[in-house]
Amino acid sequence: MLKELKPALLMLALLTLFTGGVYPLLVTGIAQGLFPHQANGSLIEQDGKVVGSEHIGQPFSDPKYFWGRPSATGPLPYNAGASSGSNLGPLNPMLEKAVKARIDALKAADQAQTAPIPVDLVTASASGLDPHISPAAARWQSPRIARLRGLSEAEVMQLIDAHTEGRQLGLLGEPRVNVVALNMALDDLGRP
C-alpha cells in the first residue's frame, strides 16, 4: 500500500508547490514587470494620495458632481468586498420603488432638466461597482454641473468628450465615461 501511496503523495506535494507557489509567483512577477499599474489595482492618485480605482465606482451625492450608476452592494455602496447585483427582477416592487426614488433624487437635484433620464442613472450594474456611465447620462447631468460650477455647458461638454472612452478594440462594449476621473477633472478646473 505504501508503494502506491508514495507516488500519489509526491505528486500532491509537487503540484501544490507548483500551482500554489511557483506559478502564482511567476504570473505576479510578469504582471508587475509588464503591467504594474493594472497589477496594483489601477489606482488613481491625487497629490500623492490614493483617491480611488479606475475600476470601482464611488458614491457622489453633491449636485456639483456627476453622479454614477447606483450601487447594489451592501451594506455600503461600491463595496468591493460585496460585489453583486441586487437580484431584483423587473416586476419586483422593491426595484420599482428604488428606481422611483432615484428618479425623484435626480429631478430634485435639477428641476429644470426635463429630458428623459438615461436608464444607467437609475439602475445598478451587475457587479454593483461600475465606475462608468454612458455619455448620454453624463450629458444629461451637464446643465446642473454647469450651473452649479459657474461653467458654460460647452465647457462641461468638452470635459465629457475628453473623458469619453471608446469601444474596446474598436468594437467591444459601448462608449463610456469614468465618473471618478470626470469629477477629478471638474475639480482641477478650480471653480466651486
C-alpha atoms as a PDB file:
ATOM      1  CA  MET A   1       0.000   0.000   0.000  1.00  0.00           C
ATOM      2  CA  LEU A   2       2.868   2.404   0.825  1.00  0.00           C
ATOM      3  CA  LYS A   3       4.256   1.722  -2.645  1.00  0.00           C
ATOM      4  CA  GLU A   4       1.053   3.101  -4.258  1.00  0.00           C
ATOM      5  CA  LEU A   5       0.657   5.960  -1.754  1.00  0.00           C
ATOM      6  CA  LYS A   6       4.205   7.324  -2.111  1.00  0.00           C
ATOM      7  CA  PRO A   7       3.868   8.482  -5.797  1.00  0.00           C
ATOM      8  CA  ALA A   8       0.457   9.994  -5.062  1.00  0.00           C
ATOM      9  CA  LEU A   9       1.810  11.992  -2.115  1.00  0.00           C
ATOM     10  CA  LEU A  10       4.863  13.038  -4.133  1.00  0.00           C
ATOM     11  CA  MET A  11       2.609  14.300  -6.981  1.00  0.00           C
ATOM     12  CA  LEU A  12       0.417  16.112  -4.452  1.00  0.00           C
ATOM     13  CA  ALA A  13       3.467  17.855  -2.971  1.00  0.00           C
ATOM     14  CA  LEU A  14       4.881  18.776  -6.404  1.00  0.00           C
ATOM     15  CA  LEU A  15       1.569  20.072  -7.749  1.00  0.00           C
ATOM     16  CA  THR A  16       0.940  22.027  -4.545  1.00  0.00           C
ATOM     17  CA  LEU A  17       4.389  23.593  -4.798  1.00  0.00           C
ATOM     18  CA  PHE A  18       3.922  24.428  -8.472  1.00  0.00           C
ATOM     19  CA  THR A  19       0.294  25.574  -8.516  1.00  0.00           C
ATOM     20  CA  GLY A  20       0.354  27.166  -5.063  1.00  0.00           C
ATOM     21  CA  GLY A  21       3.797  28.751  -5.180  1.00  0.00           C
ATOM     22  CA  VAL A  22       5.824  28.789  -8.389  1.00  0.00           C
ATOM     23  CA  TYR A  23       3.009  29.576 -10.839  1.00  0.00           C
ATOM     24  CA  PRO A  24       1.436  32.441  -8.784  1.00  0.00           C
ATOM     25  CA  LEU A  25       4.874  33.995  -8.211  1.00  0.00           C
ATOM     26  CA  LEU A  26       5.692  33.738 -11.912  1.00  0.00           C
ATOM     27  CA  VAL A  27       2.387  35.293 -13.005  1.00  0.00           C
ATOM     28  CA  THR A  28       2.663  38.035 -10.368  1.00  0.00           C
ATOM     29  CA  GLY A  29       6.237  38.803 -11.449  1.00  0.00           C
ATOM     30  CA  ILE A  30       5.245  39.039 -15.117  1.00  0.00           C
ATOM     31  CA  ALA A  31       2.238  41.243 -14.291  1.00  0.00           C
ATOM     32  CA  GLN A  32       4.330  43.540 -12.087  1.00  0.00           C
ATOM     33  CA  GLY A  33       7.013  43.780 -14.768  1.00  0.00           C
ATOM     34  CA  LEU A  34       4.768  44.368 -17.789  1.00  0.00           C
ATOM     35  CA  PHE A  35       1.615  45.970 -16.306  1.00  0.00           C
ATOM     36  CA  PRO A  36       2.448  47.456 -12.891  1.00  0.00           C
ATOM     37  CA  HIS A  37      -0.425  49.983 -12.869  1.00  0.00           C
ATOM     38  CA  GLN A  38      -3.060  47.344 -13.604  1.00  0.00           C
ATOM     39  CA  ALA A  39      -1.437  44.698 -11.385  1.00  0.00           C
ATOM     40  CA  ASN A  40      -1.656  47.060  -8.422  1.00  0.00           C
ATOM     41  CA  GLY A  41      -5.370  47.814  -8.815  1.00  0.00           C
ATOM     42  CA  SER A  42      -5.360  50.658 -11.383  1.00  0.00           C
ATOM     43  CA  LEU A  43      -5.295  53.121  -8.509  1.00  0.00           C
ATOM     44  CA  ILE A  44      -5.993  56.816  -9.021  1.00  0.00           C
ATOM     45  CA  GLU A  45      -3.722  59.157  -7.087  1.00  0.00           C
ATOM     46  CA  GLN A  46      -4.147  62.840  -6.410  1.00  0.00           C
ATOM     47  CA  ASP A  47      -1.463  64.844  -4.609  1.00  0.00           C
ATOM     48  CA  GLY A  48       0.323  61.594  -3.701  1.00  0.00           C
ATOM     49  CA  LYS A  49      -2.796  60.135  -2.055  1.00  0.00           C
ATOM     50  CA  VAL A  50      -4.869  57.238  -3.397  1.00  0.00           C
ATOM     51  CA  VAL A  51      -8.394  58.504  -4.060  1.00  0.00           C
ATOM     52  CA  GLY A  52      -9.889  55.507  -5.839  1.00  0.00           C
ATOM     53  CA  SER A  53      -9.554  52.912  -8.559  1.00  0.00           C
ATOM     54  CA  GLU A  54     -10.333  53.156 -12.252  1.00  0.00           C
ATOM     55  CA  HIS A  55     -12.457  50.000 -11.904  1.00  0.00           C
ATOM     56  CA  ILE A  56     -14.600  50.727  -8.832  1.00  0.00           C
ATOM     57  CA  GLY A  57     -17.204  53.464  -8.684  1.00  0.00           C
ATOM     58  CA  GLN A  58     -17.594  55.903  -5.819  1.00  0.00           C
ATOM     59  CA  PRO A  59     -20.693  57.487  -4.358  1.00  0.00           C
ATOM     60  CA  PHE A  60     -21.194  61.121  -5.341  1.00  0.00           C
ATOM     61  CA  SER A  61     -24.278  62.855  -3.989  1.00  0.00           C
ATOM     62  CA  ASP A  62     -23.224  66.516  -4.091  1.00  0.00           C
ATOM     63  CA  PRO A  63     -25.121  68.106  -7.006  1.00  0.00           C
ATOM     64  CA  LYS A  64     -21.966  69.880  -8.248  1.00  0.00           C
ATOM     65  CA  TYR A  65     -20.505  66.469  -9.185  1.00  0.00           C
ATOM     66  CA  PHE A  66     -21.512  63.946 -11.805  1.00  0.00           C
ATOM     67  CA  TRP A  67     -23.377  61.037 -10.265  1.00  0.00           C
ATOM     68  CA  GLY A  68     -22.558  57.485 -11.289  1.00  0.00           C
ATOM     69  CA  ARG A  69     -24.637  54.367 -11.572  1.00  0.00           C
ATOM     70  CA  PRO A  70     -26.339  53.338  -8.360  1.00  0.00           C
ATOM     71  CA  SER A  71     -24.584  50.588  -6.443  1.00  0.00           C
ATOM     72  CA  ALA A  72     -26.321  47.382  -5.401  1.00  0.00           C
ATOM     73  CA  THR A  73     -23.634  46.372  -2.899  1.00  0.00           C
ATOM     74  CA  GLY A  74     -24.319  46.355   0.811  1.00  0.00           C
ATOM     75  CA  PRO A  75     -24.107  47.496   3.471  1.00  0.00           C
ATOM     76  CA  LEU A  76     -22.148  50.380   1.881  1.00  0.00           C
ATOM     77  CA  PRO A  77     -22.301  51.484  -1.770  1.00  0.00           C
ATOM     78  CA  TYR A  78     -19.438  50.430  -4.057  1.00  0.00           C
ATOM     79  CA  ASN A  79     -18.198  47.893  -1.520  1.00  0.00           C
ATOM     80  CA  ALA A  80     -15.748  45.729  -3.492  1.00  0.00           C
ATOM     81  CA  GLY A  81     -15.971  43.020  -0.827  1.00  0.00           C
ATOM     82  CA  ALA A  82     -19.697  42.625  -1.517  1.00  0.00           C
ATOM     83  CA  SER A  83     -19.790  42.843  -5.304  1.00  0.00           C
ATOM     84  CA  SER A  84     -23.120  41.638  -6.618  1.00  0.00           C
ATOM     85  CA  GLY A  85     -26.257  42.737  -8.323  1.00  0.00           C
ATOM     86  CA  SER A  86     -29.454  43.345  -6.419  1.00  0.00           C
ATOM     87  CA  ASN A  87     -31.135  40.233  -7.886  1.00  0.00           C
ATOM     88  CA  LEU A  88     -34.365  42.208  -8.115  1.00  0.00           C
ATOM     89  CA  GLY A  89     -36.335  41.306 -11.239  1.00  0.00           C
ATOM     90  CA  PRO A  90     -38.165  43.832 -13.410  1.00  0.00           C
ATOM     91  CA  LEU A  91     -41.512  43.049 -11.759  1.00  0.00           C
ATOM     92  CA  ASN A  92     -40.203  43.293  -8.201  1.00  0.00           C
ATOM     93  CA  PRO A  93     -41.899  46.157  -6.301  1.00  0.00           C
ATOM     94  CA  MET A  94     -38.657  46.874  -4.399  1.00  0.00           C
ATOM     95  CA  LEU A  95     -36.827  47.565  -7.682  1.00  0.00           C
ATOM     96  CA  GLU A  96     -39.656  49.817  -8.844  1.00  0.00           C
ATOM     97  CA  LYS A  97     -39.525  51.703  -5.535  1.00  0.00           C
ATOM     98  CA  ALA A  98     -35.711  52.089  -5.715  1.00  0.00           C
ATOM     99  CA  VAL A  99     -35.820  53.346  -9.315  1.00  0.00           C
ATOM    100  CA  LYS A 100     -38.600  55.817  -8.461  1.00  0.00           C
ATOM    101  CA  ALA A 101     -36.538  57.133  -5.519  1.00  0.00           C
ATOM    102  CA  ARG A 102     -33.523  57.573  -7.815  1.00  0.00           C
ATOM    103  CA  ILE A 103     -35.635  59.395 -10.396  1.00  0.00           C
ATOM    104  CA  ASP A 104     -37.016  61.673  -7.683  1.00  0.00           C
ATOM    105  CA  ALA A 105     -33.486  62.441  -6.409  1.00  0.00           C
ATOM    106  CA  LEU A 106     -32.268  63.287  -9.918  1.00  0.00           C
ATOM    107  CA  LYS A 107     -35.265  65.515 -10.595  1.00  0.00           C
ATOM    108  CA  ALA A 108     -34.860  67.254  -7.217  1.00  0.00           C
ATOM    109  CA  ALA A 109     -31.191  67.957  -7.969  1.00  0.00           C
ATOM    110  CA  ASP A 110     -32.083  69.644 -11.282  1.00  0.00           C
ATOM    111  CA  GLN A 111     -35.707  70.673 -11.537  1.00  0.00           C
ATOM    112  CA  ALA A 112     -35.073  72.497 -14.813  1.00  0.00           C
ATOM    113  CA  GLN A 113     -33.974  69.280 -16.557  1.00  0.00           C
ATOM    114  CA  THR A 114     -36.990  67.793 -18.347  1.00  0.00           C
ATOM    115  CA  ALA A 115     -35.288  65.392 -20.757  1.00  0.00           C
ATOM    116  CA  PRO A 116     -35.811  61.650 -20.188  1.00  0.00           C
ATOM    117  CA  ILE A 117     -33.376  60.250 -17.627  1.00  0.00           C
ATOM    118  CA  PRO A 118     -30.904  57.700 -19.069  1.00  0.00           C
ATOM    119  CA  VAL A 119     -31.520  54.261 -17.620  1.00  0.00           C
ATOM    120  CA  ASP A 120     -27.965  53.845 -16.292  1.00  0.00           C
ATOM    121  CA  LEU A 121     -28.556  56.670 -13.806  1.00  0.00           C
ATOM    122  CA  VAL A 122     -31.382  54.759 -12.115  1.00  0.00           C
ATOM    123  CA  THR A 123     -30.338  51.087 -12.392  1.00  0.00           C
ATOM    124  CA  ALA A 124     -27.339  49.340 -10.855  1.00  0.00           C
ATOM    125  CA  SER A 125     -24.837  47.346 -12.882  1.00  0.00           C
ATOM    126  CA  ALA A 126     -24.484  43.587 -12.481  1.00  0.00           C
ATOM    127  CA  SER A 127     -21.479  43.961 -10.182  1.00  0.00           C
ATOM    128  CA  GLY A 128     -22.776  46.998  -8.308  1.00  0.00           C
ATOM    129  CA  LEU A 129     -19.318  48.560  -8.716  1.00  0.00           C
ATOM    130  CA  ASP A 130     -19.416  50.070 -12.198  1.00  0.00           C
ATOM    131  CA  PRO A 131     -17.363  53.298 -12.331  1.00  0.00           C
ATOM    132  CA  HIS A 132     -18.753  54.275 -15.740  1.00  0.00           C
ATOM    133  CA  ILE A 133     -21.856  55.932 -17.075  1.00  0.00           C
ATOM    134  CA  SER A 134     -22.900  56.399 -20.662  1.00  0.00           C
ATOM    135  CA  PRO A 135     -22.006  59.656 -22.421  1.00  0.00           C
ATOM    136  CA  ALA A 136     -25.781  60.301 -22.566  1.00  0.00           C
ATOM    137  CA  ALA A 137     -26.002  60.047 -18.755  1.00  0.00           C
ATOM    138  CA  ALA A 138     -23.097  62.484 -18.385  1.00  0.00           C
ATOM    139  CA  ARG A 139     -24.648  64.909 -20.884  1.00  0.00           C
ATOM    140  CA  TRP A 140     -27.991  64.692 -19.093  1.00  0.00           C
ATOM    141  CA  GLN A 141     -26.288  65.985 -15.938  1.00  0.00           C
ATOM    142  CA  SER A 142     -24.264  68.697 -17.700  1.00  0.00           C
ATOM    143  CA  PRO A 143     -26.761  71.596 -17.263  1.00  0.00           C
ATOM    144  CA  ARG A 144     -26.778  71.063 -13.479  1.00  0.00           C
ATOM    145  CA  ILE A 145     -22.986  70.836 -13.314  1.00  0.00           C
ATOM    146  CA  ALA A 146     -22.530  73.943 -15.487  1.00  0.00           C
ATOM    147  CA  ARG A 147     -24.970  75.997 -13.438  1.00  0.00           C
ATOM    148  CA  LEU A 148     -23.599  74.970 -10.017  1.00  0.00           C
ATOM    149  CA  ARG A 149     -19.947  75.367 -11.024  1.00  0.00           C
ATOM    150  CA  GLY A 150     -20.314  78.596 -12.954  1.00  0.00           C
ATOM    151  CA  LEU A 151     -19.227  76.963 -16.219  1.00  0.00           C
ATOM    152  CA  SER A 152     -20.738  77.111 -19.658  1.00  0.00           C
ATOM    153  CA  GLU A 153     -22.465  73.967 -20.897  1.00  0.00           C
ATOM    154  CA  ALA A 154     -19.949  73.921 -23.762  1.00  0.00           C
ATOM    155  CA  GLU A 155     -17.071  73.674 -21.255  1.00  0.00           C
ATOM    156  CA  VAL A 156     -18.780  70.804 -19.457  1.00  0.00           C
ATOM    157  CA  MET A 157     -19.498  69.038 -22.765  1.00  0.00           C
ATOM    158  CA  GLN A 158     -15.832  69.401 -23.779  1.00  0.00           C
ATOM    159  CA  LEU A 159     -14.838  67.793 -20.489  1.00  0.00           C
ATOM    160  CA  ILE A 160     -17.285  64.937 -21.057  1.00  0.00           C
ATOM    161  CA  ASP A 161     -15.994  64.408 -24.599  1.00  0.00           C
ATOM    162  CA  ALA A 162     -12.376  64.436 -23.374  1.00  0.00           C
ATOM    163  CA  HIS A 163     -13.192  61.734 -20.799  1.00  0.00           C
ATOM    164  CA  THR A 164     -15.329  59.525 -23.038  1.00  0.00           C
ATOM    165  CA  GLU A 165     -13.649  56.169 -23.616  1.00  0.00           C
ATOM    166  CA  GLY A 166     -14.426  54.401 -26.876  1.00  0.00           C
ATOM    167  CA  ARG A 167     -15.243  50.777 -27.516  1.00  0.00           C
ATOM    168  CA  GLN A 168     -12.542  48.293 -26.539  1.00  0.00           C
ATOM    169  CA  LEU A 169     -10.544  47.286 -29.611  1.00  0.00           C
ATOM    170  CA  GLY A 170     -12.927  49.484 -31.575  1.00  0.00           C
ATOM    171  CA  LEU A 171     -15.847  47.046 -31.393  1.00  0.00           C
ATOM    172  CA  LEU A 172     -16.438  45.649 -27.887  1.00  0.00           C
ATOM    173  CA  GLY A 173     -18.779  47.336 -25.439  1.00  0.00           C
ATOM    174  CA  GLU A 174     -20.182  50.825 -25.599  1.00  0.00           C
ATOM    175  CA  PRO A 175     -18.610  54.282 -25.217  1.00  0.00           C
ATOM    176  CA  ARG A 176     -18.413  55.193 -21.528  1.00  0.00           C
ATOM    177  CA  VAL A 177     -17.285  57.895 -19.125  1.00  0.00           C
ATOM    178  CA  ASN A 178     -15.391  57.171 -15.894  1.00  0.00           C
ATOM    179  CA  VAL A 179     -17.210  59.246 -13.264  1.00  0.00           C
ATOM    180  CA  VAL A 180     -14.289  59.441 -10.810  1.00  0.00           C
ATOM    181  CA  ALA A 181     -11.901  60.722 -13.496  1.00  0.00           C
ATOM    182  CA  LEU A 182     -14.520  63.175 -14.796  1.00  0.00           C
ATOM    183  CA  ASN A 183     -15.185  64.582 -11.315  1.00  0.00           C
ATOM    184  CA  MET A 184     -11.459  64.926 -10.651  1.00  0.00           C
ATOM    185  CA  ALA A 185     -11.131  66.880 -13.907  1.00  0.00           C
ATOM    186  CA  LEU A 186     -14.005  69.118 -12.778  1.00  0.00           C
ATOM    187  CA  ASP A 187     -12.178  69.828  -9.521  1.00  0.00           C
ATOM    188  CA  ASP A 188      -8.989  70.597 -11.463  1.00  0.00           C
ATOM    189  CA  LEU A 189     -10.817  73.422 -13.245  1.00  0.00           C
ATOM    190  CA  GLY A 190     -10.682  75.197  -9.885  1.00  0.00           C
ATOM    191  CA  ARG A 191     -14.240  76.515  -9.745  1.00  0.00           C
ATOM    192  CA  PRO A 192     -16.711  75.742  -6.933  1.00  0.00           C
END
